[in-house]
Every structure is written in structure tokens, then in C-alpha cells.
Amino acid sequence: MRGALQLPASTNYDAAPEVTDTSTTGKASQTITVTTPAPATADFGDVFTVAATSSSGDAVVVTTTGGCTNVGNDVTITSSSVPCVVHYNLPGSTNYDPAPEVTNTSTTGKASQTITVTTPAPATADFGDVFTVAATSSSGDAVVVTTTGGCTNVGNDVTITSSSVPCVVHYNAPASTNYDAAPEVTNTSTTGKASQTITVTTPAPATADFGDTFTVAATSSSGRCSSGDHHGWL
């Protein structure tokens, strides 16, 4: 910047020689103030919003490194073990130098998960009954089904093995890289005796004479059967 000092002529004086001063100008400094910082701790999958202002009024640019990503000021945690570092920067402009970078760091951890039983065990079931159960987890990980009491299982298929001991179905989602183990969920079926039917496979003849001998046979749905030789006496 150049400034000029002048003194015009007057009745008794000529004009004075002009005198000048020159100031060299430069860009102003600026600072960043974080108004909404990253949280001290955050779990895998968490999403949070950060914000910052500058003393110049220019927009602050947010970027991330480590266990997170960002879209604008919205930050998503992508790791359960690597800290998330949020960077706030302000580039230089026509009148301002770049601002010193400011950072926030969030310690990351595993997320919790829950189990939802979508097809539960029935309230009651009889000996020999077979039914299928199903469950999902909030993490999307597979739910492991086990049984105790009066039943056994192969995967999600449960078979009742007792007519008096309740069947307890257990649903679990183990811990993984990014999730803690889910709290166990259980279903209980009260068990009872199964019904059975008899089918006569060899009936008695419609008519029989004195002294005749004939054989009858029958089966049961339970697998227990009886048959025998019977005599008709007149």
C-alpha cells in the first residue's frame, strides 16, 4: 500500500515536494474452532456429525483417517480397534493463509448386537415331534441354535425326545471382529406324551366255525405292536 502526503502552495509558500510512504501487505492468519467434536469413544458402525468454524468465516474442510470414513461432516466408524482421527483444515485464500490443522480422535470398540427369534419353539410339543426354529441378529451374523432338556437338534431342526422333560432351545450369536457376543435368548416347549393309533393288518374273519384257529395282526403308529393266535368256541 502506498500513501502520499501533499502540501499545496499558499499566499506565501510554494507547494511542498510530495512525500510518500509504502506498506508491504500480506495475508492474514486464521484459526479453526471445533464446535461439535468427535466423541471420545465410538463403536463399530456408529455415525456422528462434527462441526467447526473459522475466524475468517471460510468453510472448514473435514477429512478422516484410521478406523472411520466421512461424507462431509458425517463420520462413520469402520473399525472396532483402530482409532478414528478427524481432521479439520482451512486452505489459504486470497486474503488468508491456511489455518493450522486441528484434529479429534475417537477410541473405537466393538458394537453390541441383539437376537430376534423369528420362528420360536412351540409352547407345547409331544414326544417325537419335529419342528424348525429361526432367529436373526442385528449384526447380520449367523445365530447358533442349541438345545437342552427333553430334545435334540441338528441345526435349526429340533426333535422332542422326552414326554416329561421340557425342551429348551438356546439362540446365541458369538463375538466377532466387530461385535460383542449377543445376550442369549431361549424358548421353552412343555413336552407331553404322543398319541398313537392301531391299524389292524390281519383282522379276524367275518365267520368262523367251532374249533377254528386263526391269526390276527395289528401295528401301532408308535411302533409297538401285538398279534396272536385266537380260537373261536361255539
C-alpha atoms as a PDB file:
ATOM      1  CA  MET A   1       0.000   0.000   0.000  1.00  0.00           C
ATOM      2  CA  ARG A   2       1.314   3.491  -0.975  1.00  0.00           C
ATOM      3  CA  GLY A   3       0.249   6.702   0.769  1.00  0.00           C
ATOM      4  CA  ALA A   4       1.031  10.293  -0.418  1.00  0.00           C
ATOM      5  CA  LEU A   5       1.378  13.426   1.739  1.00  0.00           C
ATOM      6  CA  GLN A   6       0.947  16.739  -0.093  1.00  0.00           C
ATOM      7  CA  LEU A   7       1.107  20.424   0.899  1.00  0.00           C
ATOM      8  CA  PRO A   8      -0.379  22.821  -1.663  1.00  0.00           C
ATOM      9  CA  ALA A   9       1.037  26.281  -2.387  1.00  0.00           C
ATOM     10  CA  SER A  10      -0.307  29.219  -0.381  1.00  0.00           C
ATOM     11  CA  THR A  11      -0.022  33.026  -0.465  1.00  0.00           C
ATOM     12  CA  ASN A  12       3.484  32.985   0.890  1.00  0.00           C
ATOM     13  CA  TYR A  13       4.678  29.461   0.097  1.00  0.00           C
ATOM     14  CA  ASP A  14       5.243  27.331  -2.910  1.00  0.00           C
ATOM     15  CA  ALA A  15       3.821  23.845  -2.887  1.00  0.00           C
ATOM     16  CA  ALA A  16       5.951  21.436  -0.855  1.00  0.00           C
ATOM     17  CA  PRO A  17       7.571  18.456  -2.537  1.00  0.00           C
ATOM     18  CA  GLU A  18       5.346  15.396  -2.183  1.00  0.00           C
ATOM     19  CA  VAL A  19       6.351  12.764   0.401  1.00  0.00           C
ATOM     20  CA  THR A  20       5.220   9.135   0.140  1.00  0.00           C
ATOM     21  CA  ASP A  21       5.081   6.086   2.470  1.00  0.00           C
ATOM     22  CA  THR A  22       4.743   2.470   1.310  1.00  0.00           C
ATOM     23  CA  SER A  23       3.440  -0.500   3.398  1.00  0.00           C
ATOM     24  CA  THR A  24       4.009  -4.038   2.153  1.00  0.00           C
ATOM     25  CA  THR A  25       0.747  -6.033   2.639  1.00  0.00           C
ATOM     26  CA  GLY A  26       0.305  -9.736   3.348  1.00  0.00           C
ATOM     27  CA  LYS A  27      -2.344 -12.353   4.026  1.00  0.00           C
ATOM     28  CA  ALA A  28      -3.967 -12.528   7.447  1.00  0.00           C
ATOM     29  CA  SER A  29      -3.749 -15.608   9.654  1.00  0.00           C
ATOM     30  CA  GLN A  30      -6.864 -17.583  10.607  1.00  0.00           C
ATOM     31  CA  THR A  31      -7.769 -20.179  13.232  1.00  0.00           C
ATOM     32  CA  ILE A  32     -10.191 -23.098  13.479  1.00  0.00           C
ATOM     33  CA  THR A  33     -12.608 -23.667  16.377  1.00  0.00           C
ATOM     34  CA  VAL A  34     -14.241 -27.102  16.648  1.00  0.00           C
ATOM     35  CA  THR A  35     -17.835 -26.538  17.793  1.00  0.00           C
ATOM     36  CA  THR A  36     -19.026 -30.186  17.645  1.00  0.00           C
ATOM     37  CA  PRO A  37     -16.082 -32.531  18.176  1.00  0.00           C
ATOM     38  CA  ALA A  38     -15.839 -36.269  17.564  1.00  0.00           C
ATOM     39  CA  PRO A  39     -16.827 -38.290  20.669  1.00  0.00           C
ATOM     40  CA  ALA A  40     -14.076 -39.657  22.890  1.00  0.00           C
ATOM     41  CA  THR A  41     -15.257 -43.225  22.214  1.00  0.00           C
ATOM     42  CA  ALA A  42     -17.364 -44.753  19.431  1.00  0.00           C
ATOM     43  CA  ASP A  43     -18.360 -48.289  18.488  1.00  0.00           C
ATOM     44  CA  PHE A  44     -18.185 -50.045  15.133  1.00  0.00           C
ATOM     45  CA  GLY A  45     -20.984 -48.807  12.875  1.00  0.00           C
ATOM     46  CA  ASP A  46     -21.652 -45.624  14.856  1.00  0.00           C
ATOM     47  CA  VAL A  47     -22.366 -42.470  12.846  1.00  0.00           C
ATOM     48  CA  PHE A  48     -21.827 -38.993  14.250  1.00  0.00           C
ATOM     49  CA  THR A  49     -21.637 -35.421  12.952  1.00  0.00           C
ATOM     50  CA  VAL A  50     -18.809 -32.965  13.600  1.00  0.00           C
ATOM     51  CA  ALA A  51     -18.668 -29.195  13.025  1.00  0.00           C
ATOM     52  CA  ALA A  52     -16.112 -26.394  13.085  1.00  0.00           C
ATOM     53  CA  THR A  53     -15.866 -22.689  12.256  1.00  0.00           C
ATOM     54  CA  SER A  54     -13.004 -20.434  11.211  1.00  0.00           C
ATOM     55  CA  SER A  55     -12.059 -16.939  12.364  1.00  0.00           C
ATOM     56  CA  SER A  56     -12.115 -15.839   8.708  1.00  0.00           C
ATOM     57  CA  GLY A  57     -15.627 -17.140   8.116  1.00  0.00           C
ATOM     58  CA  ASP A  58     -14.378 -19.509   5.402  1.00  0.00           C
ATOM     59  CA  ALA A  59     -15.698 -23.100   5.347  1.00  0.00           C
ATOM     60  CA  VAL A  60     -13.705 -25.711   7.275  1.00  0.00           C
ATOM     61  CA  VAL A  61     -12.889 -28.930   5.387  1.00  0.00           C
ATOM     62  CA  VAL A  62     -13.359 -32.225   7.315  1.00  0.00           C
ATOM     63  CA  THR A  63     -11.411 -35.387   6.453  1.00  0.00           C
ATOM     64  CA  THR A  64     -10.755 -38.643   8.352  1.00  0.00           C
ATOM     65  CA  THR A  65      -8.023 -41.236   8.750  1.00  0.00           C
ATOM     66  CA  GLY A  66      -7.840 -44.505  10.690  1.00  0.00           C
ATOM     67  CA  GLY A  67     -10.906 -46.531  11.607  1.00  0.00           C
ATOM     68  CA  CYS A  68     -13.559 -44.325  10.016  1.00  0.00           C
ATOM     69  CA  THR A  69     -14.794 -42.659   6.850  1.00  0.00           C
ATOM     70  CA  ASN A  70     -16.702 -39.448   6.255  1.00  0.00           C
ATOM     71  CA  VAL A  71     -19.092 -37.824   3.836  1.00  0.00           C
ATOM     72  CA  GLY A  72     -18.869 -34.136   4.531  1.00  0.00           C
ATOM     73  CA  ASN A  73     -19.251 -33.668   8.285  1.00  0.00           C
ATOM     74  CA  ASP A  74     -20.880 -37.106   8.841  1.00  0.00           C
ATOM     75  CA  VAL A  75     -18.412 -39.695  10.162  1.00  0.00           C
ATOM     76  CA  THR A  76     -18.940 -43.499  10.187  1.00  0.00           C
ATOM     77  CA  ILE A  77     -16.859 -45.853  12.363  1.00  0.00           C
ATOM     78  CA  THR A  78     -15.484 -48.723  10.249  1.00  0.00           C
ATOM     79  CA  SER A  79     -13.209 -50.489  12.755  1.00  0.00           C
ATOM     80  CA  SER A  80     -13.582 -51.836  16.272  1.00  0.00           C
ATOM     81  CA  SER A  81      -9.881 -51.476  17.091  1.00  0.00           C
ATOM     82  CA  VAL A  82      -8.298 -48.693  15.002  1.00  0.00           C
ATOM     83  CA  PRO A  83      -8.808 -45.156  16.394  1.00  0.00           C
ATOM     84  CA  CYS A  84     -10.714 -42.690  14.223  1.00  0.00           C
ATOM     85  CA  VAL A  85      -8.945 -39.381  13.594  1.00  0.00           C
ATOM     86  CA  VAL A  86     -10.999 -36.419  12.335  1.00  0.00           C
ATOM     87  CA  HIS A  87      -9.019 -33.637  10.638  1.00  0.00           C
ATOM     88  CA  TYR A  88     -10.236 -30.039  10.351  1.00  0.00           C
ATOM     89  CA  ASN A  89      -8.448 -27.888   7.759  1.00  0.00           C
ATOM     90  CA  LEU A  90      -8.839 -24.466   6.195  1.00  0.00           C
ATOM     91  CA  PRO A  91      -6.967 -23.849   2.944  1.00  0.00           C
ATOM     92  CA  GLY A  92      -5.441 -20.487   2.173  1.00  0.00           C
ATOM     93  CA  SER A  93      -7.497 -17.954   0.240  1.00  0.00           C
ATOM     94  CA  THR A  94      -6.941 -14.598  -1.433  1.00  0.00           C
ATOM     95  CA  ASN A  95      -6.644 -12.795   1.881  1.00  0.00           C
ATOM     96  CA  TYR A  96      -5.873 -15.576   4.406  1.00  0.00           C
ATOM     97  CA  ASP A  97      -3.069 -18.059   4.993  1.00  0.00           C
ATOM     98  CA  PRO A  98      -4.038 -21.711   5.638  1.00  0.00           C
ATOM     99  CA  ALA A  99      -5.137 -22.303   9.228  1.00  0.00           C
ATOM    100  CA  PRO A 100      -3.202 -24.724  11.465  1.00  0.00           C
ATOM    101  CA  GLU A 101      -4.842 -28.154  11.313  1.00  0.00           C
ATOM    102  CA  VAL A 102      -6.992 -29.278  14.261  1.00  0.00           C
ATOM    103  CA  THR A 103      -7.712 -32.972  14.969  1.00  0.00           C
ATOM    104  CA  ASN A 104     -10.045 -35.023  17.176  1.00  0.00           C
ATOM    105  CA  THR A 105      -9.533 -38.720  17.937  1.00  0.00           C
ATOM    106  CA  SER A 106     -12.199 -41.274  18.893  1.00  0.00           C
ATOM    107  CA  THR A 107     -11.195 -44.560  20.506  1.00  0.00           C
ATOM    108  CA  THR A 108     -13.180 -47.317  18.761  1.00  0.00           C
ATOM    109  CA  GLY A 109     -14.675 -50.531  20.162  1.00  0.00           C
ATOM    110  CA  LYS A 110     -16.924 -53.470  19.329  1.00  0.00           C
ATOM    111  CA  ALA A 111     -20.623 -52.839  18.789  1.00  0.00           C
ATOM    112  CA  SER A 112     -23.329 -54.657  20.722  1.00  0.00           C
ATOM    113  CA  GLN A 113     -25.787 -56.942  18.926  1.00  0.00           C
ATOM    114  CA  THR A 114     -29.162 -58.453  19.723  1.00  0.00           C
ATOM    115  CA  ILE A 115     -31.023 -61.601  18.675  1.00  0.00           C
ATOM    116  CA  THR A 116     -34.586 -61.658  17.327  1.00  0.00           C
ATOM    117  CA  VAL A 117     -36.336 -65.036  17.242  1.00  0.00           C
ATOM    118  CA  THR A 118     -38.407 -65.081  14.058  1.00  0.00           C
ATOM    119  CA  THR A 119     -39.710 -68.676  14.346  1.00  0.00           C
ATOM    120  CA  PRO A 120     -39.828 -69.734  18.003  1.00  0.00           C
ATOM    121  CA  ALA A 121     -40.226 -73.184  19.507  1.00  0.00           C
ATOM    122  CA  PRO A 122     -43.903 -74.050  20.102  1.00  0.00           C
ATOM    123  CA  ALA A 123     -45.299 -73.622  23.627  1.00  0.00           C
ATOM    124  CA  THR A 124     -46.101 -77.354  23.776  1.00  0.00           C
ATOM    125  CA  ALA A 125     -44.772 -80.346  21.851  1.00  0.00           C
ATOM    126  CA  ASP A 126     -45.256 -84.082  22.113  1.00  0.00           C
ATOM    127  CA  PHE A 127     -42.718 -86.877  22.167  1.00  0.00           C
ATOM    128  CA  GLY A 128     -41.340 -87.432  18.666  1.00  0.00           C
ATOM    129  CA  ASP A 129     -42.450 -84.067  17.312  1.00  0.00           C
ATOM    130  CA  VAL A 130     -40.012 -82.288  14.977  1.00  0.00           C
ATOM    131  CA  PHE A 131     -40.105 -78.522  14.432  1.00  0.00           C
ATOM    132  CA  THR A 132     -37.876 -75.838  12.945  1.00  0.00           C
ATOM    133  CA  VAL A 133     -36.811 -72.633  14.687  1.00  0.00           C
ATOM    134  CA  ALA A 134     -35.191 -69.497  13.243  1.00  0.00           C
ATOM    135  CA  ALA A 135     -33.562 -66.305  14.501  1.00  0.00           C
ATOM    136  CA  THR A 136     -31.610 -63.324  13.182  1.00  0.00           C
ATOM    137  CA  SER A 137     -29.040 -60.984  14.725  1.00  0.00           C
ATOM    138  CA  SER A 138     -28.805 -57.199  14.435  1.00  0.00           C
ATOM    139  CA  SER A 139     -25.219 -57.610  13.199  1.00  0.00           C
ATOM    140  CA  GLY A 140     -26.248 -59.923  10.354  1.00  0.00           C
ATOM    141  CA  ASP A 141     -24.048 -62.697  11.786  1.00  0.00           C
ATOM    142  CA  ALA A 142     -25.470 -66.228  11.938  1.00  0.00           C
ATOM    143  CA  VAL A 143     -27.339 -67.269  15.085  1.00  0.00           C
ATOM    144  CA  VAL A 144     -26.272 -70.616  16.584  1.00  0.00           C
ATOM    145  CA  VAL A 145     -29.082 -72.895  17.859  1.00  0.00           C
ATOM    146  CA  THR A 146     -28.511 -75.473  20.619  1.00  0.00           C
ATOM    147  CA  THR A 147     -30.890 -77.417  22.873  1.00  0.00           C
ATOM    148  CA  THR A 148     -31.035 -78.783  26.409  1.00  0.00           C
ATOM    149  CA  GLY A 149     -33.596 -80.862  28.262  1.00  0.00           C
ATOM    150  CA  GLY A 150     -36.052 -83.140  26.507  1.00  0.00           C
ATOM    151  CA  CYS A 151     -34.935 -82.563  22.926  1.00  0.00           C
ATOM    152  CA  THR A 152     -32.060 -82.657  20.460  1.00  0.00           C
ATOM    153  CA  ASN A 153     -31.302 -80.577  17.394  1.00  0.00           C
ATOM    154  CA  VAL A 154     -29.494 -80.718  14.086  1.00  0.00           C
ATOM    155  CA  GLY A 155     -29.009 -77.123  13.051  1.00  0.00           C
ATOM    156  CA  ASN A 156     -32.388 -75.399  13.374  1.00  0.00           C
ATOM    157  CA  ASP A 157     -34.413 -78.650  13.350  1.00  0.00           C
ATOM    158  CA  VAL A 158     -35.461 -79.763  16.845  1.00  0.00           C
ATOM    159  CA  THR A 159     -36.729 -83.246  17.834  1.00  0.00           C
ATOM    160  CA  ILE A 160     -38.610 -83.895  21.092  1.00  0.00           C
ATOM    161  CA  THR A 161     -37.038 -86.856  22.931  1.00  0.00           C
ATOM    162  CA  SER A 162     -38.992 -86.827  26.200  1.00  0.00           C
ATOM    163  CA  SER A 163     -42.651 -86.745  27.189  1.00  0.00           C
ATOM    164  CA  SER A 164     -41.982 -85.098  30.556  1.00  0.00           C
ATOM    165  CA  VAL A 165     -38.774 -83.025  30.433  1.00  0.00           C
ATOM    166  CA  PRO A 166     -39.221 -79.521  28.947  1.00  0.00           C
ATOM    167  CA  CYS A 167     -37.262 -78.728  25.782  1.00  0.00           C
ATOM    168  CA  VAL A 168     -35.156 -75.554  25.978  1.00  0.00           C
ATOM    169  CA  VAL A 169     -33.929 -74.001  22.719  1.00  0.00           C
ATOM    170  CA  HIS A 170     -30.939 -71.644  23.050  1.00  0.00           C
ATOM    171  CA  TYR A 171     -30.112 -68.913  20.494  1.00  0.00           C
ATOM    172  CA  ASN A 172     -26.613 -67.379  20.540  1.00  0.00           C
ATOM    173  CA  ALA A 173     -24.576 -65.019  18.355  1.00  0.00           C
ATOM    174  CA  PRO A 174     -20.878 -65.337  19.258  1.00  0.00           C
ATOM    175  CA  ALA A 175     -18.496 -62.397  19.399  1.00  0.00           C
ATOM    176  CA  SER A 176     -16.788 -61.458  16.129  1.00  0.00           C
ATOM    177  CA  THR A 177     -14.181 -58.983  14.975  1.00  0.00           C
ATOM    178  CA  ASN A 178     -16.514 -56.014  15.273  1.00  0.00           C
ATOM    179  CA  TYR A 179     -19.305 -57.237  17.580  1.00  0.00           C
ATOM    180  CA  ASP A 180     -19.583 -58.383  21.183  1.00  0.00           C
ATOM    181  CA  ALA A 181     -21.472 -61.624  21.828  1.00  0.00           C
ATOM    182  CA  ALA A 182     -25.239 -61.097  21.918  1.00  0.00           C
ATOM    183  CA  PRO A 183     -27.207 -61.845  25.098  1.00  0.00           C
ATOM    184  CA  GLU A 184     -28.592 -65.380  24.859  1.00  0.00           C
ATOM    185  CA  VAL A 185     -32.277 -65.846  24.042  1.00  0.00           C
ATOM    186  CA  THR A 186     -34.190 -69.040  24.946  1.00  0.00           C
ATOM    187  CA  ASN A 187     -37.549 -70.661  24.151  1.00  0.00           C
ATOM    188  CA  THR A 188     -39.064 -73.475  26.183  1.00  0.00           C
ATOM    189  CA  SER A 189     -41.550 -76.100  24.995  1.00  0.00           C
ATOM    190  CA  THR A 190     -43.540 -78.069  27.542  1.00  0.00           C
ATOM    191  CA  THR A 191     -43.441 -81.720  26.423  1.00  0.00           C
ATOM    192  CA  GLY A 192     -46.131 -84.412  26.632  1.00  0.00           C
ATOM    193  CA  LYS A 193     -46.974 -87.928  25.560  1.00  0.00           C
ATOM    194  CA  ALA A 194     -47.631 -88.531  21.892  1.00  0.00           C
ATOM    195  CA  SER A 195     -50.893 -90.035  20.732  1.00  0.00           C
ATOM    196  CA  GLN A 196     -50.849 -93.368  18.912  1.00  0.00           C
ATOM    197  CA  THR A 197     -53.233 -95.315  16.724  1.00  0.00           C
ATOM    198  CA  ILE A 198     -53.737 -99.007  15.935  1.00  0.00           C
ATOM    199  CA  THR A 199     -54.063-100.394  12.430  1.00  0.00           C
ATOM    200  CA  VAL A 200     -55.368-103.976  12.076  1.00  0.00           C
ATOM    201  CA  THR A 201     -53.373-105.579   9.314  1.00  0.00           C
ATOM    202  CA  THR A 202     -54.818-109.116   9.613  1.00  0.00           C
ATOM    203  CA  PRO A 203     -58.344-108.988  11.020  1.00  0.00           C
ATOM    204  CA  ALA A 204     -60.405-111.845  12.409  1.00  0.00           C
ATOM    205  CA  PRO A 205     -62.523-113.500   9.690  1.00  0.00           C
ATOM    206  CA  ALA A 206     -66.136-112.432   9.406  1.00  0.00           C
ATOM    207  CA  THR A 207     -67.250-116.016  10.271  1.00  0.00           C
ATOM    208  CA  ALA A 208     -65.523-118.923  11.982  1.00  0.00           C
ATOM    209  CA  ASP A 209     -66.542-122.464  12.955  1.00  0.00           C
ATOM    210  CA  PHE A 210     -66.148-124.271  16.200  1.00  0.00           C
ATOM    211  CA  GLY A 211     -62.536-125.248  16.742  1.00  0.00           C
ATOM    212  CA  ASP A 212     -61.183-122.933  14.013  1.00  0.00           C
ATOM    213  CA  THR A 213     -57.874-121.277  14.679  1.00  0.00           C
ATOM    214  CA  PHE A 214     -56.911-118.028  13.045  1.00  0.00           C
ATOM    215  CA  THR A 215     -54.205-115.440  13.424  1.00  0.00           C
ATOM    216  CA  VAL A 216     -54.739-111.707  13.710  1.00  0.00           C
ATOM    217  CA  ALA A 217     -52.172-108.929  13.487  1.00  0.00           C
ATOM    218  CA  ALA A 218     -52.026-105.217  14.064  1.00  0.00           C
ATOM    219  CA  THR A 219     -49.484-102.393  14.149  1.00  0.00           C
ATOM    220  CA  SER A 220     -49.369 -99.133  16.070  1.00  0.00           C
ATOM    221  CA  SER A 221     -48.204 -95.710  14.967  1.00  0.00           C
ATOM    222  CA  SER A 222     -45.784 -95.727  17.911  1.00  0.00           C
ATOM    223  CA  GLY A 223     -44.093 -98.889  16.613  1.00  0.00           C
ATOM    224  CA  ARG A 224     -45.416-101.020  19.452  1.00  0.00           C
ATOM    225  CA  CYS A 225     -47.483-103.894  18.035  1.00  0.00           C
ATOM    226  CA  SER A 226     -49.236-107.058  19.080  1.00  0.00           C
ATOM    227  CA  SER A 227     -50.565-110.112  17.296  1.00  0.00           C
ATOM    228  CA  GLY A 228     -51.619-113.572  18.316  1.00  0.00           C
ATOM    229  CA  ASP A 229     -53.477-116.797  17.640  1.00  0.00           C
ATOM    230  CA  HIS A 230     -57.073-116.836  18.785  1.00  0.00           C
ATOM    231  CA  HIS A 231     -59.601-119.653  18.986  1.00  0.00           C
ATOM    232  CA  GLY A 232     -63.293-119.327  18.428  1.00  0.00           C
ATOM    233  CA  TRP A 233     -65.501-121.674  20.534  1.00  0.00           C
ATOM    234  CA  LEU A 234     -69.218-122.207  19.914  1.00  0.00           C
END
